[in-house]
Amino acid sequence: MDIKEYFARISYQGSHNKPDLDTMSDVFQHHVQAVPFENLSIHCGESIELDLEATYNKIVRKKRGGWCMENNYLLSWVLKTLGYNVTFLGAKVYVPELDAYADEIDHLLLQVGLDGKSYIVDGGFGMAYQMWQPMELISGTDQPQTPGVFRFQEESGIWYLEKVKRKQLVPDQSASTSHNVENEVCRRIYLFTLQPRDIEEFRGCNAHLQTAPDSLFVTKSICSLQTADGIRALVGWKLTEIKYNYRDNMDLVEIRILADEEMEQTLKEKFNITLDKKFVPVNTSRLSLF
């Protein structure tokens, strides 16, 4: 494992001698715009290993992406290598259709201590709820970023992450999301505590999410990547491209349904992904990712 090889993978050419906020933010933004959030391994008959070297080989050498436990495990190694103080945290993701958070921890994120402050670094959420910069861990303060306004709310030791949504301009309404989701003003994303976690605590979750019949990652094939001005996502056969703040406080959402024969080329052109095994797209869940 070589930090310079990782920097080449994310096209990062900035400073890495000084572990400060600017460097961390710069590395992080390069990561989310180069490394997709994806679960394609599950739909290619491959298992997702919770192993740092395996993750490094997959993301850095094979130019693949990964889900939270891959992206953030790799980012923890990157940040520690650069001299940052990193702690694993566990979160429970919000499911809007159920209006509830997961019963068990199902998301890995990072806490970084820097100059007497704490920051949350999460390069593994993907879709339109992916932060683009580290967020300072303070309650009730809006933290505007290109994707929208994020904020934390703390109650009795439990931290909640939420994002204020912009309006959406969707030219093709026939392929749009459900009405109630579109009319959300603010989306809850996940809750977490500051209890430090060990990577071993995520082994059960890592196995469950890729095998349970009702797991979102089993019922949907997902690949999303942050772009210079938005996000693109392939969920099942649906390709969604969002341009943030296309107009004043409005995102442009363009949707196209792909044919099977377009999949391989789309993954290569839009996400820089080439798969070793045959990919079988899936989208049987009614849960919305937007």
Protein backbone atom coordinates (compact mmCIF):
# COMPACT_ATOMS: atom_id res chain seq x y z
CA MET A 1 0.00 0.00 0.00
CA ASP A 2 1.48 3.28 -1.17
CA ILE A 3 0.01 6.72 -0.42
CA LYS A 4 1.43 8.11 -3.69
CA GLU A 5 -0.37 5.40 -5.65
CA TYR A 6 -3.58 6.39 -3.87
CA PHE A 7 -2.99 10.07 -4.70
CA ALA A 8 -2.58 9.12 -8.37
CA ARG A 9 -5.87 7.19 -8.20
CA ILE A 10 -7.77 10.27 -7.00
CA SER A 11 -5.73 12.73 -9.14
CA TYR A 12 -4.53 14.59 -6.05
CA GLN A 13 -1.43 16.70 -6.54
CA GLY A 14 -1.64 19.00 -3.53
CA SER A 15 0.30 19.19 -0.28
CA HIS A 16 0.49 16.21 2.05
CA ASN A 17 3.18 17.31 4.47
CA LYS A 18 0.94 19.31 6.79
CA PRO A 19 -2.06 17.57 8.43
CA ASP A 20 -4.36 20.61 8.49
CA LEU A 21 -8.01 21.21 7.56
CA ASP A 22 -7.24 22.45 4.04
CA THR A 23 -5.26 19.34 3.15
CA MET A 24 -7.89 17.01 4.63
CA SER A 25 -10.68 18.82 2.76
CA ASP A 26 -8.77 18.74 -0.51
CA VAL A 27 -7.91 15.04 -0.30
CA PHE A 28 -11.49 14.24 0.72
CA GLN A 29 -13.07 16.16 -2.18
CA HIS A 30 -10.73 14.46 -4.66
CA HIS A 31 -11.71 11.09 -3.18
CA VAL A 32 -15.49 11.52 -3.54
CA GLN A 33 -15.11 12.80 -7.12
CA ALA A 34 -12.87 9.89 -8.13
CA VAL A 35 -14.08 6.87 -6.16
CA PRO A 36 -17.70 5.80 -6.75
CA PHE A 37 -20.06 4.70 -4.01
CA GLU A 38 -21.08 1.31 -5.36
CA ASN A 39 -22.20 -2.20 -4.44
CA LEU A 40 -21.66 -3.79 -7.85
CA SER A 41 -19.63 -6.66 -6.38
CA ILE A 42 -22.82 -8.09 -4.87
CA HIS A 43 -24.41 -8.15 -8.33
CA CYS A 44 -21.36 -9.70 -9.98
CA GLY A 45 -21.22 -12.69 -7.65
CA GLU A 46 -18.31 -11.30 -5.62
CA SER A 47 -18.11 -10.86 -1.86
CA ILE A 48 -17.16 -7.55 -0.25
CA GLU A 49 -14.29 -8.12 2.15
CA LEU A 50 -13.74 -6.03 5.27
CA ASP A 51 -9.99 -6.11 4.77
CA LEU A 52 -7.83 -3.02 4.27
CA GLU A 53 -5.41 -4.48 1.71
CA ALA A 54 -8.24 -6.06 -0.29
CA THR A 55 -10.07 -2.72 -0.27
CA TYR A 56 -6.91 -0.88 -1.32
CA ASN A 57 -6.40 -3.27 -4.24
CA LYS A 58 -10.02 -2.97 -5.31
CA ILE A 59 -10.28 0.84 -5.15
CA VAL A 60 -6.74 1.95 -5.96
CA ARG A 61 -5.41 -0.73 -8.32
CA LYS A 62 -8.62 -1.98 -9.96
CA LYS A 63 -10.13 1.53 -10.01
CA ARG A 64 -13.39 0.36 -8.49
CA GLY A 65 -15.50 2.03 -5.82
CA GLY A 66 -17.08 0.67 -2.67
CA TRP A 67 -19.65 1.21 0.04
CA CYS A 68 -19.16 2.93 3.41
CA MET A 69 -17.09 0.22 5.02
CA GLU A 70 -14.68 0.22 2.07
CA ASN A 71 -14.46 3.94 1.29
CA ASN A 72 -14.14 5.05 4.90
CA TYR A 73 -11.80 2.21 5.92
CA LEU A 74 -9.47 3.28 3.10
CA LEU A 75 -9.87 6.96 4.01
CA SER A 76 -8.97 6.18 7.62
CA TRP A 77 -5.70 4.64 6.43
CA VAL A 78 -5.04 7.67 4.18
CA LEU A 79 -5.67 10.19 6.95
CA LYS A 80 -3.68 8.27 9.56
CA THR A 81 -0.80 7.98 7.09
CA LEU A 82 -0.91 11.77 6.67
CA GLY A 83 -0.78 12.29 10.44
CA TYR A 84 -4.42 12.81 11.43
CA ASN A 85 -6.09 11.46 14.56
CA VAL A 86 -8.92 9.24 13.29
CA THR A 87 -11.67 7.34 15.15
CA PHE A 88 -14.27 4.96 13.70
CA LEU A 89 -17.92 5.72 14.55
CA GLY A 90 -21.08 3.74 13.83
CA ALA A 91 -24.34 5.19 12.52
CA LYS A 92 -27.92 4.07 11.91
CA VAL A 93 -29.24 5.22 8.52
CA TYR A 94 -32.67 6.86 8.19
CA VAL A 95 -35.21 5.11 5.94
CA PRO A 96 -37.73 7.75 4.76
CA GLU A 97 -40.39 5.27 3.61
CA LEU A 98 -40.48 3.78 7.12
CA ASP A 99 -39.90 7.13 8.86
CA ALA A 100 -37.43 5.35 11.09
CA TYR A 101 -33.73 4.77 11.63
CA ALA A 102 -32.18 1.31 11.30
CA ASP A 103 -32.43 -0.90 14.38
CA GLU A 104 -28.74 -1.77 14.29
CA ILE A 105 -25.61 0.12 13.25
CA ASP A 106 -25.36 -0.13 9.46
CA HIS A 107 -22.95 2.66 8.51
CA LEU A 108 -19.28 3.40 9.20
CA LEU A 109 -18.02 6.99 9.40
CA LEU A 110 -14.91 8.76 10.67
CA GLN A 111 -14.27 11.32 13.39
CA VAL A 112 -11.08 13.36 13.04
CA GLY A 113 -9.64 15.48 15.84
CA LEU A 114 -7.79 18.54 14.60
CA ASP A 115 -6.64 21.71 16.39
CA GLY A 116 -9.00 21.18 19.32
CA LYS A 117 -12.03 20.60 17.08
CA SER A 118 -13.80 17.48 15.86
CA TYR A 119 -14.77 16.81 12.26
CA ILE A 120 -16.91 14.13 10.66
CA VAL A 121 -15.42 12.70 7.49
CA ASP A 122 -17.74 10.39 5.54
CA GLY A 123 -16.77 9.42 2.01
CA GLY A 124 -19.11 6.45 1.92
CA PHE A 125 -22.70 7.62 1.75
CA GLY A 126 -22.98 8.38 -1.94
CA MET A 127 -25.96 9.58 -3.96
CA ALA A 128 -27.25 13.13 -3.32
CA TYR A 129 -26.55 12.93 0.44
CA GLN A 130 -22.78 12.66 0.12
CA MET A 131 -20.95 15.49 1.91
CA TRP A 132 -18.20 17.13 -0.15
CA GLN A 133 -16.16 18.53 2.72
CA PRO A 134 -15.44 17.39 6.28
CA MET A 135 -18.09 18.75 8.64
CA GLU A 136 -17.28 20.32 11.98
CA LEU A 137 -19.03 18.45 14.77
CA ILE A 138 -21.20 21.24 16.17
CA SER A 139 -24.93 21.12 16.81
CA GLY A 140 -27.53 23.30 15.14
CA THR A 141 -25.24 25.17 12.76
CA ASP A 142 -25.89 25.18 9.01
CA GLN A 143 -22.85 24.04 7.02
CA PRO A 144 -23.49 24.95 3.36
CA GLN A 145 -21.76 22.85 0.71
CA THR A 146 -22.26 22.49 -3.05
CA PRO A 147 -24.73 19.56 -2.64
CA GLY A 148 -26.84 21.61 -0.19
CA VAL A 149 -26.95 22.70 3.43
CA PHE A 150 -25.93 20.00 5.91
CA ARG A 151 -26.21 20.25 9.69
CA PHE A 152 -25.88 18.22 12.84
CA GLN A 153 -28.43 18.25 15.69
CA GLU A 154 -27.40 16.78 19.04
CA GLU A 155 -29.88 15.51 21.61
CA SER A 156 -28.82 13.67 24.79
CA GLY A 157 -25.59 12.44 23.27
CA ILE A 158 -27.15 11.31 20.01
CA TRP A 159 -26.06 13.19 16.88
CA TYR A 160 -28.33 13.53 13.85
CA LEU A 161 -27.13 14.47 10.36
CA GLU A 162 -29.61 16.10 8.01
CA LYS A 163 -29.59 17.91 4.69
CA VAL A 164 -31.83 20.78 3.56
CA LYS A 165 -33.06 19.93 0.09
CA ARG A 166 -33.33 22.28 -2.86
CA LYS A 167 -36.22 22.23 -5.28
CA GLN A 168 -35.75 19.98 -8.27
CA LEU A 169 -36.37 20.61 -11.96
CA VAL A 170 -37.18 17.22 -13.48
CA PRO A 171 -37.87 17.54 -17.24
CA ASP A 172 -38.99 13.89 -17.52
CA GLN A 173 -41.64 13.57 -14.82
CA SER A 174 -42.58 10.03 -15.89
CA ALA A 175 -39.32 8.65 -14.50
CA SER A 176 -39.35 10.80 -11.37
CA THR A 177 -39.29 9.77 -7.71
CA SER A 178 -42.38 9.44 -5.56
CA HIS A 179 -44.34 12.60 -4.81
CA ASN A 180 -43.89 12.61 -1.03
CA VAL A 181 -40.10 12.30 -1.29
CA GLU A 182 -39.94 15.15 -3.82
CA ASN A 183 -41.78 17.46 -1.44
CA GLU A 184 -39.39 16.90 1.46
CA VAL A 185 -37.79 20.12 2.67
CA CYS A 186 -35.21 18.43 4.85
CA ARG A 187 -33.95 14.84 4.75
CA ARG A 188 -32.66 13.08 7.81
CA ILE A 189 -29.61 11.02 6.84
CA TYR A 190 -28.42 9.09 9.90
CA LEU A 191 -27.87 9.21 13.66
CA PHE A 192 -24.74 8.28 15.57
CA THR A 193 -23.01 8.55 18.93
CA LEU A 194 -19.38 9.41 19.64
CA GLN A 195 -18.63 5.96 21.06
CA PRO A 196 -15.36 4.84 19.40
CA ARG A 197 -15.72 1.68 17.34
CA ASP A 198 -13.29 -0.99 16.22
CA ILE A 199 -13.38 -2.18 12.60
CA GLU A 200 -14.13 -5.68 13.89
CA GLU A 201 -17.52 -4.42 15.11
CA PHE A 202 -18.59 -3.96 11.48
CA ARG A 203 -17.95 -7.53 10.31
CA GLY A 204 -21.50 -8.69 11.03
CA CYS A 205 -22.99 -5.63 9.38
CA ASN A 206 -20.72 -6.03 6.33
CA ALA A 207 -21.89 -9.64 5.90
CA HIS A 208 -25.57 -8.95 6.62
CA LEU A 209 -25.94 -6.06 4.16
CA GLN A 210 -24.68 -8.14 1.24
CA THR A 211 -26.70 -11.29 2.00
CA ALA A 212 -30.00 -10.39 3.72
CA PRO A 213 -32.90 -10.67 1.24
CA ASP A 214 -34.40 -7.36 2.42
CA SER A 215 -31.10 -5.44 2.36
CA LEU A 216 -31.21 -2.35 0.17
CA PHE A 217 -27.87 -3.41 -1.29
CA VAL A 218 -29.24 -6.82 -2.31
CA THR A 219 -32.44 -5.39 -3.80
CA LYS A 220 -30.74 -2.54 -5.71
CA SER A 221 -27.55 -2.36 -7.73
CA ILE A 222 -26.08 1.07 -7.00
CA CYS A 223 -23.25 3.12 -8.45
CA SER A 224 -22.97 6.87 -7.76
CA LEU A 225 -20.19 9.37 -8.29
CA GLN A 226 -19.87 13.02 -7.30
CA THR A 227 -18.94 15.25 -10.26
CA ALA A 228 -17.53 18.77 -10.49
CA ASP A 229 -21.04 20.29 -10.23
CA GLY A 230 -23.36 17.49 -9.16
CA ILE A 231 -23.77 13.75 -9.04
CA ARG A 232 -24.50 10.88 -11.38
CA ALA A 233 -26.02 7.60 -10.26
CA LEU A 234 -26.93 4.29 -11.85
CA VAL A 235 -29.53 2.42 -9.80
CA GLY A 236 -30.72 -0.71 -11.55
CA TRP A 237 -31.24 0.45 -15.12
CA LYS A 238 -32.01 4.08 -14.18
CA LEU A 239 -29.26 6.64 -14.84
CA THR A 240 -29.84 9.89 -12.93
CA GLU A 241 -27.66 12.96 -13.42
CA ILE A 242 -28.10 15.95 -11.11
CA LYS A 243 -26.62 19.38 -11.62
CA TYR A 244 -26.61 21.24 -8.29
CA ASN A 245 -27.98 24.78 -8.15
CA TYR A 246 -28.76 24.75 -11.88
CA ARG A 247 -31.02 27.70 -11.16
CA ASP A 248 -31.43 29.69 -7.97
CA ASN A 249 -31.98 27.08 -5.24
CA MET A 250 -32.99 24.46 -7.81
CA ASP A 251 -31.22 21.30 -8.96
CA LEU A 252 -31.60 19.95 -12.50
CA VAL A 253 -32.44 16.23 -12.50
CA GLU A 254 -32.14 14.28 -15.74
CA ILE A 255 -33.19 10.64 -15.84
CA ARG A 256 -32.72 7.97 -18.50
CA ILE A 257 -33.58 4.26 -18.50
CA LEU A 258 -30.77 2.19 -20.00
CA ALA A 259 -30.93 -1.00 -22.01
CA ASP A 260 -28.88 -4.00 -20.86
CA GLU A 261 -26.43 -3.54 -23.71
CA GLU A 262 -25.69 0.04 -22.57
CA MET A 263 -24.63 -0.93 -19.05
CA GLU A 264 -20.99 -1.85 -19.62
CA GLN A 265 -20.25 1.26 -21.68
CA THR A 266 -22.10 3.54 -19.24
CA LEU A 267 -20.14 2.22 -16.26
CA LYS A 268 -16.91 2.85 -18.16
CA GLU A 269 -17.76 6.31 -19.51
CA LYS A 270 -19.67 7.75 -16.55
CA PHE A 271 -17.97 6.04 -13.60
CA ASN A 272 -14.60 4.82 -14.96
CA ILE A 273 -15.49 1.29 -13.85
CA THR A 274 -14.66 -1.91 -15.71
CA LEU A 275 -15.96 -5.08 -14.09
CA ASP A 276 -14.20 -8.46 -14.12
CA LYS A 277 -17.38 -10.51 -13.93
CA LYS A 278 -20.83 -10.33 -15.49
CA PHE A 279 -22.99 -7.64 -13.90
CA VAL A 280 -26.69 -8.33 -13.33
CA PRO A 281 -28.59 -5.06 -12.62
CA VAL A 282 -31.27 -5.19 -9.90
CA ASN A 283 -33.89 -2.71 -8.70
CA THR A 284 -36.66 -4.51 -6.85
CA SER A 285 -36.91 -2.26 -3.78
CA ARG A 286 -39.35 0.62 -3.60
CA LEU A 287 -37.06 2.58 -1.28
CA SER A 288 -36.00 5.93 -2.73
CA LEU A 289 -32.32 6.93 -2.75
CA PHE A 290 -33.04 10.56 -3.58
